[in-house]
Amino acid sequence: MLNERNSSAIVAVSNLDRARTFYRDTLGLELVNESTGVMVFRTGSTQLSVYESKFAGSNLANAVTWAMFGDLREVVSELGTKGVKFEHYEDLPGLTLRGDVHEAGAVLLAWFKDPDGNILHLVEGM
């Protein structure tokens, strides 16, 4: 049934102009479609939909995860130069925090938030 269908992430934001600047300019995603209250960005071979909602930022879990391919530390560094602040979860069992990157053996993880507080996640080695 759904196993042969594509899926995509969707994130609620409170301000589309601010979200456009963050997702397009800061994260470098390509804006491929925009209509009233919704923007669609290309991210790899998938899409990320961003829509305006009064419930923006109310999700306390990961909203979007990107798979990294040996470049997580480089991307974290580049995003840091663009003002992205990374989350530090020092109480997660089995993880060691080194700078802005959490390590679990060969697995590397980094979390940051968009301007509405949606949690965005980078992961390498899974």
Protein backbone atom coordinates (compact mmCIF):
# COMPACT_ATOMS: atom_id res chain seq x y z
CA MET A 1 0.00 0.00 0.00
CA LEU A 2 2.08 3.00 1.19
CA ASN A 3 5.45 1.26 0.92
CA GLU A 4 5.67 2.27 -2.74
CA ARG A 5 4.78 5.92 -2.14
CA ASN A 6 7.12 8.82 -1.48
CA SER A 7 6.84 10.68 1.80
CA SER A 8 8.02 14.07 2.97
CA ALA A 9 8.35 16.06 6.15
CA ILE A 10 6.10 18.98 7.05
CA VAL A 11 6.91 21.72 9.56
CA ALA A 12 4.64 24.37 11.06
CA VAL A 13 6.01 27.92 11.33
CA SER A 14 4.55 31.17 12.62
CA ASN A 15 6.07 33.50 10.02
CA LEU A 16 6.60 32.46 6.39
CA ASP A 17 9.02 35.28 5.56
CA ARG A 18 11.28 34.39 8.48
CA ALA A 19 11.00 30.67 7.63
CA ARG A 20 11.86 31.34 3.97
CA THR A 21 15.02 33.15 5.03
CA PHE A 22 16.02 30.36 7.43
CA TYR A 23 15.26 27.33 5.26
CA ARG A 24 16.41 28.85 1.95
CA ASP A 25 19.26 31.16 2.94
CA THR A 26 20.61 29.63 6.15
CA LEU A 27 20.08 25.93 5.38
CA GLY A 28 20.53 26.30 1.61
CA LEU A 29 17.34 24.49 0.58
CA GLU A 30 15.85 25.21 -2.84
CA LEU A 31 12.37 26.75 -2.73
CA VAL A 32 10.52 24.87 -5.48
CA ASN A 33 6.92 25.90 -4.89
CA GLU A 34 5.06 28.51 -2.90
CA SER A 35 1.37 29.14 -2.53
CA THR A 36 -0.78 30.85 0.07
CA GLY A 37 0.50 29.77 3.46
CA VAL A 38 2.75 26.94 2.21
CA MET A 39 6.29 26.63 0.86
CA VAL A 40 7.89 23.49 -0.54
CA PHE A 41 11.67 23.07 -0.48
CA ARG A 42 13.74 20.43 -2.25
CA THR A 43 16.02 18.56 0.12
CA GLY A 44 17.95 15.79 -1.59
CA SER A 45 15.47 13.64 -3.48
CA THR A 46 12.59 14.55 -1.14
CA GLN A 47 10.62 17.61 -0.17
CA LEU A 48 10.10 19.61 2.98
CA SER A 49 6.80 21.45 3.27
CA VAL A 50 6.63 24.48 5.54
CA TYR A 51 3.27 25.94 6.41
CA GLU A 52 1.98 28.74 8.58
CA SER A 53 0.20 27.65 11.76
CA LYS A 54 -0.64 29.01 15.19
CA PHE A 55 0.76 25.70 16.54
CA ALA A 56 4.27 26.34 15.20
CA GLY A 57 7.07 25.04 17.39
CA SER A 58 4.78 23.02 19.65
CA ASN A 59 6.38 19.67 18.71
CA LEU A 60 8.93 18.68 21.36
CA ALA A 61 10.45 15.91 19.24
CA ASN A 62 12.46 15.84 16.01
CA ALA A 63 10.53 17.43 13.16
CA VAL A 64 13.01 16.73 10.33
CA THR A 65 16.08 14.50 10.05
CA TRP A 66 18.76 14.73 7.38
CA ALA A 67 21.09 11.80 6.61
CA MET A 68 24.68 12.96 6.34
CA PHE A 69 27.37 11.21 4.34
CA GLY A 70 30.72 11.79 6.02
CA ASP A 71 30.21 15.55 6.18
CA LEU A 72 28.27 16.12 9.41
CA ARG A 73 31.08 18.00 11.18
CA GLU A 74 31.66 20.17 8.11
CA VAL A 75 27.95 21.02 7.82
CA VAL A 76 27.72 21.76 11.56
CA SER A 77 30.68 24.12 11.23
CA GLU A 78 29.21 25.87 8.19
CA LEU A 79 25.78 26.28 9.80
CA GLY A 80 27.49 27.64 12.91
CA THR A 81 29.08 30.41 10.81
CA LYS A 82 25.54 31.30 9.66
CA GLY A 83 24.37 31.76 13.24
CA VAL A 84 22.78 28.36 13.85
CA LYS A 85 23.00 27.39 17.54
CA PHE A 86 23.19 23.67 18.24
CA GLU A 87 21.42 21.85 21.02
CA HIS A 88 23.50 20.04 23.65
CA TYR A 89 21.82 16.99 25.20
CA GLU A 90 24.27 15.97 27.87
CA ASP A 91 21.88 13.53 29.56
CA LEU A 92 21.33 11.16 26.62
CA PRO A 93 22.68 7.73 27.56
CA GLY A 94 25.46 6.35 25.38
CA LEU A 95 26.30 9.70 23.78
CA THR A 96 29.42 11.79 24.21
CA LEU A 97 29.21 15.49 23.38
CA ARG A 98 32.23 16.92 21.54
CA GLY A 99 31.67 20.55 20.61
CA ASP A 100 28.28 20.64 18.90
CA VAL A 101 28.33 16.98 17.82
CA HIS A 102 27.07 14.03 19.84
CA GLU A 103 28.93 10.76 19.29
CA ALA A 104 27.77 7.18 19.80
CA GLY A 105 30.67 5.17 18.44
CA ALA A 106 30.70 5.74 14.68
CA VAL A 107 27.31 7.46 14.76
CA LEU A 108 27.38 11.27 14.81
CA LEU A 109 24.34 13.39 15.67
CA ALA A 110 23.58 17.10 15.87
CA TRP A 111 20.38 18.94 16.69
CA PHE A 112 19.36 22.55 16.16
CA LYS A 113 16.14 24.53 16.08
CA ASP A 114 14.50 26.67 13.44
CA PRO A 115 13.27 30.17 14.44
CA ASP A 116 10.01 28.67 15.78
CA GLY A 117 11.75 26.05 17.91
CA ASN A 118 11.12 23.08 15.63
CA ILE A 119 13.86 20.53 16.31
CA LEU A 120 15.96 19.66 13.24
CA HIS A 121 18.37 16.73 13.30
CA LEU A 122 21.50 15.73 11.39
CA VAL A 123 22.65 12.11 11.64
CA GLU A 124 25.62 10.26 10.16
CA GLY A 125 26.48 6.58 10.32
CA MET A 126 23.03 5.04 10.77
